[in-house]
Amino acid sequence: MKKITAVVCSWNAIQSLEKCLKSLIANKVKVIVVDANSSDGSREIATKYADQVLTDPGKGLAKARNIGIEKVTTEYVLNWGADNILPEKQIEIMLNCLEQNKYAGVSAKTYVQSEKKNYLSESLNLYKQARYYSGEKVVIGTPSLFKTSLLKSNRFDENMTWSDDGDLCTRLAKKKCKFAISDAFVYEYGYENLISIFNRWKSYGKSDSEIFSKYSKEWTFTRKLNSIFYPLLNEFLKPISKLSFFNKLKVSPFLIFITLTRYYYWIRYSIFK
């Protein structure tokens, strides 16, 4: 899709970056890599495959994305993770969903693809299947497709170090923009372990803290309550309600762990800013 450029922000992503970039090129997507001075050979891989390789000064993902988006010349920009693998025809599904429904942005469902299987990877996939489904959403995350002009005129807030997607959608929603998860799916390549799961939901907790701190003063009491109960509803209650009885038993410890981790770091980062 020559009308789409993927902005891939990477740092020491040697295990997945080549697969990631090859999948984008196979789907005829232009590629800009914004590399944060990787020391594992990632930059050399990026130079081999990408149309452009830029340098991330290490000031957060929002800054890195803005650097990449600024250089995009195609009609659409695809915010893409260095561990994302794009299967055939899925980008067309994302683009059709965005254009036909006049959404400001659309994302794809993601599933873990790993050469090894363990409890955490299987639980994460079951969680994703129950948690993320096609349809209009208040917030979408990476991978996400937007019109380039929209993101150039509404840059990621570089002060929101962990909540770039949530903050962008919050600001655009004030302008009557709408978002959706499309029917497209993308693979997330890698092997999940306790540290990777912990770090992911730690970052979500900090994101909650940043969003609440920035916007809660303008929210109604009901909106504040919705925000406070959001992790409980979306990380535990809603996913578990959609699982079979056996999978409920299987995934419950995982869901409890990610929910508590997210709340803990929301509170921690709110107190110790």
Protein backbone atom coordinates (compact mmCIF):
# COMPACT_ATOMS: atom_id res chain seq x y z
CA MET A 1 0.00 0.00 0.00
CA LYS A 2 2.10 2.91 -1.30
CA LYS A 3 -0.32 5.33 0.34
CA ILE A 4 0.73 4.09 3.82
CA THR A 5 3.96 4.61 5.76
CA ALA A 6 4.65 2.62 8.91
CA VAL A 7 6.52 4.44 11.68
CA VAL A 8 8.37 1.77 13.66
CA CYS A 9 9.96 2.91 16.92
CA SER A 10 12.65 0.49 18.05
CA TRP A 11 15.22 -0.06 20.74
CA ASN A 12 17.28 -3.25 20.94
CA ALA A 13 14.61 -5.19 19.07
CA ILE A 14 16.93 -7.54 17.18
CA GLN A 15 14.82 -10.64 17.91
CA SER A 16 11.76 -9.35 16.05
CA LEU A 17 12.73 -6.33 13.92
CA GLU A 18 13.72 -8.15 10.74
CA LYS A 19 10.50 -10.20 10.73
CA CYS A 20 8.57 -7.00 11.45
CA LEU A 21 10.09 -5.00 8.58
CA LYS A 22 9.90 -7.86 6.08
CA SER A 23 6.18 -8.26 6.79
CA LEU A 24 5.55 -4.56 6.13
CA ILE A 25 7.56 -4.58 2.91
CA ALA A 26 5.72 -7.72 1.74
CA ASN A 27 2.49 -5.76 2.14
CA LYS A 28 3.95 -2.84 0.14
CA VAL A 29 3.97 -0.48 3.09
CA LYS A 30 6.71 2.16 3.19
CA VAL A 31 8.80 2.04 6.37
CA ILE A 32 10.41 4.64 8.62
CA VAL A 33 12.31 3.31 11.60
CA VAL A 34 13.02 5.61 14.54
CA ASP A 35 15.79 3.90 16.47
CA ALA A 36 16.79 4.81 20.03
CA ASN A 37 20.53 4.17 19.56
CA SER A 38 20.18 0.39 19.72
CA SER A 39 23.32 -1.52 20.69
CA ASP A 40 22.25 -5.00 19.55
CA GLY A 41 22.38 -4.58 15.76
CA SER A 42 18.80 -3.35 15.33
CA ARG A 43 19.91 -0.18 13.55
CA GLU A 44 21.86 -2.21 11.00
CA ILE A 45 18.75 -4.32 10.35
CA ALA A 46 16.68 -1.15 9.99
CA THR A 47 19.17 0.36 7.53
CA LYS A 48 18.94 -2.78 5.40
CA TYR A 49 15.15 -2.78 5.07
CA ALA A 50 13.63 0.63 5.89
CA ASP A 51 13.09 3.54 3.52
CA GLN A 52 14.43 5.88 6.22
CA VAL A 53 16.17 5.38 9.56
CA LEU A 54 15.94 8.24 12.05
CA THR A 55 17.37 8.67 15.54
CA ASP A 56 15.27 8.75 18.69
CA PRO A 57 16.95 10.95 21.34
CA GLY A 58 15.51 8.80 24.14
CA LYS A 59 12.86 11.21 25.38
CA GLY A 60 9.92 8.82 25.24
CA LEU A 61 7.75 7.04 22.70
CA ALA A 62 5.65 10.13 21.95
CA LYS A 63 8.76 12.05 20.90
CA ALA A 64 9.97 9.14 18.76
CA ARG A 65 6.62 8.87 17.01
CA ASN A 66 6.52 12.60 16.30
CA ILE A 67 9.99 12.41 14.75
CA GLY A 68 8.84 9.66 12.41
CA ILE A 69 5.46 11.14 11.54
CA GLU A 70 7.08 14.45 10.62
CA LYS A 71 8.90 12.68 7.76
CA VAL A 72 5.86 10.81 6.41
CA THR A 73 4.76 11.95 2.94
CA THR A 74 2.03 9.36 2.24
CA GLU A 75 -1.68 9.88 2.91
CA TYR A 76 -1.75 7.52 5.89
CA VAL A 77 0.56 6.69 8.77
CA LEU A 78 0.65 3.35 10.54
CA ASN A 79 1.93 3.45 14.13
CA TRP A 80 3.70 0.13 14.43
CA GLY A 81 5.57 -1.82 17.09
CA ALA A 82 8.97 -3.38 16.43
CA ASP A 83 7.50 -6.73 17.53
CA ASN A 84 4.43 -6.53 15.26
CA ILE A 85 4.17 -8.87 12.25
CA LEU A 86 1.71 -7.94 9.49
CA PRO A 87 -0.06 -10.89 7.78
CA GLU A 88 -1.24 -10.60 4.18
CA LYS A 89 -4.29 -8.43 3.37
CA GLN A 90 -4.75 -7.17 6.94
CA ILE A 91 -3.65 -3.62 6.15
CA GLU A 92 -6.36 -3.43 3.48
CA ILE A 93 -8.93 -4.40 6.11
CA MET A 94 -7.72 -1.62 8.40
CA LEU A 95 -7.77 0.93 5.58
CA ASN A 96 -11.25 -0.06 4.38
CA CYS A 97 -12.60 0.16 7.94
CA LEU A 98 -11.16 3.65 8.37
CA GLU A 99 -12.30 5.03 4.99
CA GLN A 100 -15.75 3.45 4.79
CA ASN A 101 -16.77 4.47 8.32
CA LYS A 102 -14.92 7.81 8.35
CA TYR A 103 -13.10 6.95 11.55
CA ALA A 104 -10.23 9.15 12.67
CA GLY A 105 -8.19 6.07 13.48
CA VAL A 106 -8.47 2.29 13.54
CA SER A 107 -6.41 -0.43 15.14
CA ALA A 108 -6.04 -4.18 14.68
CA LYS A 109 -6.42 -7.09 17.07
CA THR A 110 -3.08 -8.56 18.14
CA TYR A 111 -2.18 -12.11 19.06
CA VAL A 112 1.06 -13.43 20.48
CA GLN A 113 3.11 -15.50 18.05
CA SER A 114 5.93 -17.35 19.75
CA GLU A 115 8.18 -20.28 19.00
CA LYS A 116 7.66 -21.32 22.61
CA LYS A 117 4.40 -21.74 24.46
CA ASN A 118 3.89 -21.16 28.15
CA TYR A 119 1.12 -20.25 30.56
CA LEU A 120 1.68 -16.50 30.25
CA SER A 121 1.64 -16.43 26.45
CA GLU A 122 -1.48 -18.61 26.31
CA SER A 123 -3.20 -16.50 28.98
CA LEU A 124 -2.30 -13.29 27.17
CA ASN A 125 -3.85 -14.59 23.96
CA LEU A 126 -7.04 -15.68 25.73
CA TYR A 127 -7.19 -12.28 27.42
CA LYS A 128 -6.73 -10.48 24.10
CA GLN A 129 -9.42 -12.55 22.39
CA ALA A 130 -11.90 -11.73 25.15
CA ARG A 131 -10.82 -8.13 25.71
CA TYR A 132 -10.38 -6.76 22.19
CA TYR A 133 -13.08 -7.20 19.59
CA SER A 134 -14.16 -5.32 16.47
CA GLY A 135 -16.21 -2.18 16.84
CA GLU A 136 -16.15 1.45 17.85
CA LYS A 137 -13.94 2.24 20.85
CA VAL A 138 -13.14 5.25 23.02
CA VAL A 139 -9.39 4.58 22.84
CA ILE A 140 -7.30 2.53 20.44
CA GLY A 141 -3.67 1.50 20.76
CA THR A 142 -0.84 0.31 18.57
CA PRO A 143 -0.94 -0.84 15.82
CA SER A 144 -3.06 2.06 14.62
CA LEU A 145 -3.79 3.70 11.28
CA PHE A 146 -4.49 7.43 10.93
CA LYS A 147 -4.52 10.06 8.22
CA THR A 148 -1.08 11.66 8.21
CA SER A 149 -2.50 15.19 8.13
CA LEU A 150 -4.47 14.50 11.32
CA LEU A 151 -1.40 13.36 13.26
CA LYS A 152 0.76 16.16 11.92
CA SER A 153 -1.76 18.72 13.16
CA ASN A 154 -2.36 16.83 16.43
CA ARG A 155 1.07 15.69 17.55
CA PHE A 156 1.59 13.19 20.34
CA ASP A 157 2.02 15.02 23.66
CA GLU A 158 5.68 14.48 24.52
CA ASN A 159 4.99 15.08 28.22
CA MET A 160 2.80 11.97 28.29
CA THR A 161 5.63 9.48 28.43
CA TRP A 162 3.52 6.34 28.85
CA SER A 163 0.05 7.36 27.70
CA ASP A 164 0.63 8.62 24.16
CA ASP A 165 -2.24 6.63 22.56
CA GLY A 166 -4.74 7.32 25.33
CA ASP A 167 -3.93 11.01 25.42
CA LEU A 168 -4.15 11.38 21.63
CA CYS A 169 -7.58 9.71 21.51
CA THR A 170 -8.79 11.82 24.45
CA ARG A 171 -7.80 15.04 22.68
CA LEU A 172 -9.18 13.98 19.30
CA ALA A 173 -12.48 12.85 20.86
CA LYS A 174 -13.03 16.47 21.93
CA LYS A 175 -13.02 17.28 18.21
CA LYS A 176 -15.74 14.67 17.59
CA CYS A 177 -13.30 12.11 16.21
CA LYS A 178 -14.22 8.44 16.49
CA PHE A 179 -12.09 5.29 16.61
CA ALA A 180 -12.53 1.57 16.14
CA ILE A 181 -10.86 -1.81 16.29
CA SER A 182 -11.09 -3.28 12.81
CA ASP A 183 -11.50 -6.93 11.82
CA ALA A 184 -7.80 -7.03 10.94
CA PHE A 185 -5.36 -9.00 13.06
CA VAL A 186 -1.63 -8.63 13.66
CA TYR A 187 0.88 -10.93 15.32
CA GLU A 188 2.98 -9.84 18.27
CA TYR A 189 6.22 -11.78 18.03
CA GLY A 190 8.00 -12.78 21.20
CA TYR A 191 8.18 -14.98 24.24
CA GLU A 192 6.23 -13.77 27.26
CA ASN A 193 7.66 -14.10 30.75
CA LEU A 194 6.75 -12.70 34.14
CA ILE A 195 8.99 -9.66 33.68
CA SER A 196 7.54 -8.73 30.27
CA ILE A 197 3.96 -9.06 31.55
CA PHE A 198 4.80 -7.11 34.70
CA ASN A 199 6.46 -4.29 32.73
CA ARG A 200 3.56 -4.03 30.30
CA TRP A 201 0.94 -3.56 33.01
CA LYS A 202 3.25 -1.35 35.01
CA SER A 203 3.29 0.97 31.99
CA TYR A 204 -0.52 0.84 31.78
CA GLY A 205 -0.66 1.90 35.45
CA LYS A 206 1.55 4.89 34.75
CA SER A 207 -0.60 5.71 31.73
CA ASP A 208 -3.69 5.73 33.96
CA SER A 209 -1.90 8.06 36.36
CA GLU A 210 -0.91 10.49 33.59
CA ILE A 211 -4.36 10.58 32.00
CA PHE A 212 -6.15 11.02 35.33
CA SER A 213 -3.75 13.76 36.40
CA LYS A 214 -4.11 15.67 33.12
CA TYR A 215 -7.86 15.43 32.58
CA SER A 216 -9.68 14.62 35.82
CA LYS A 217 -10.15 18.28 36.77
CA GLU A 218 -12.44 18.73 33.80
CA TRP A 219 -14.32 15.45 34.32
CA THR A 220 -17.66 14.94 36.04
CA PHE A 221 -17.83 12.75 39.13
CA THR A 222 -19.31 9.92 37.06
CA ARG A 223 -16.50 10.18 34.51
CA LYS A 224 -13.93 9.97 37.32
CA LEU A 225 -15.61 6.84 38.67
CA ASN A 226 -15.57 5.29 35.21
CA SER A 227 -11.84 5.94 35.03
CA ILE A 228 -11.18 4.48 38.49
CA PHE A 229 -13.12 1.29 37.72
CA TYR A 230 -11.77 0.97 34.18
CA PRO A 231 -8.94 -1.50 35.01
CA LEU A 232 -11.22 -3.71 37.10
CA LEU A 233 -13.86 -3.85 34.40
CA ASN A 234 -11.60 -4.20 31.38
CA GLU A 235 -8.73 -6.27 32.75
CA PHE A 236 -10.78 -8.69 34.83
CA LEU A 237 -14.58 -8.59 34.79
CA LYS A 238 -15.27 -8.21 31.06
CA PRO A 239 -12.61 -10.65 29.82
CA ILE A 240 -13.53 -13.35 32.31
CA SER A 241 -17.23 -13.03 31.48
CA LYS A 242 -16.51 -14.01 27.87
CA LEU A 243 -14.39 -17.07 28.58
CA SER A 244 -15.49 -20.67 28.89
CA PHE A 245 -15.64 -22.19 32.38
CA PHE A 246 -12.34 -24.03 31.91
CA ASN A 247 -10.59 -20.94 30.59
CA LYS A 248 -12.00 -18.85 33.45
CA LEU A 249 -10.24 -21.15 35.90
CA LYS A 250 -7.10 -21.18 33.82
CA VAL A 251 -6.76 -17.43 33.24
CA SER A 252 -8.09 -16.04 36.55
CA PRO A 253 -4.64 -15.86 38.24
CA PHE A 254 -3.26 -14.03 35.21
CA LEU A 255 -6.14 -11.53 35.16
CA ILE A 256 -5.86 -10.89 38.90
CA PHE A 257 -2.12 -10.29 38.55
CA ILE A 258 -2.39 -7.77 35.69
CA THR A 259 -5.30 -5.92 37.33
CA LEU A 260 -3.50 -5.54 40.66
CA THR A 261 -0.25 -4.55 38.94
CA ARG A 262 -2.03 -1.85 36.96
CA TYR A 263 -3.76 -0.41 40.06
CA TYR A 264 -0.60 -0.57 42.15
CA TYR A 265 1.43 1.46 39.67
CA TRP A 266 -1.41 3.89 39.03
CA ILE A 267 -1.41 4.67 42.75
CA ARG A 268 2.37 4.64 43.03
CA TYR A 269 2.98 7.02 40.13
CA SER A 270 0.16 9.29 41.34
CA ILE A 271 1.82 9.65 44.73
CA PHE A 272 5.46 9.75 43.62
CA LYS A 273 5.39 11.82 40.45
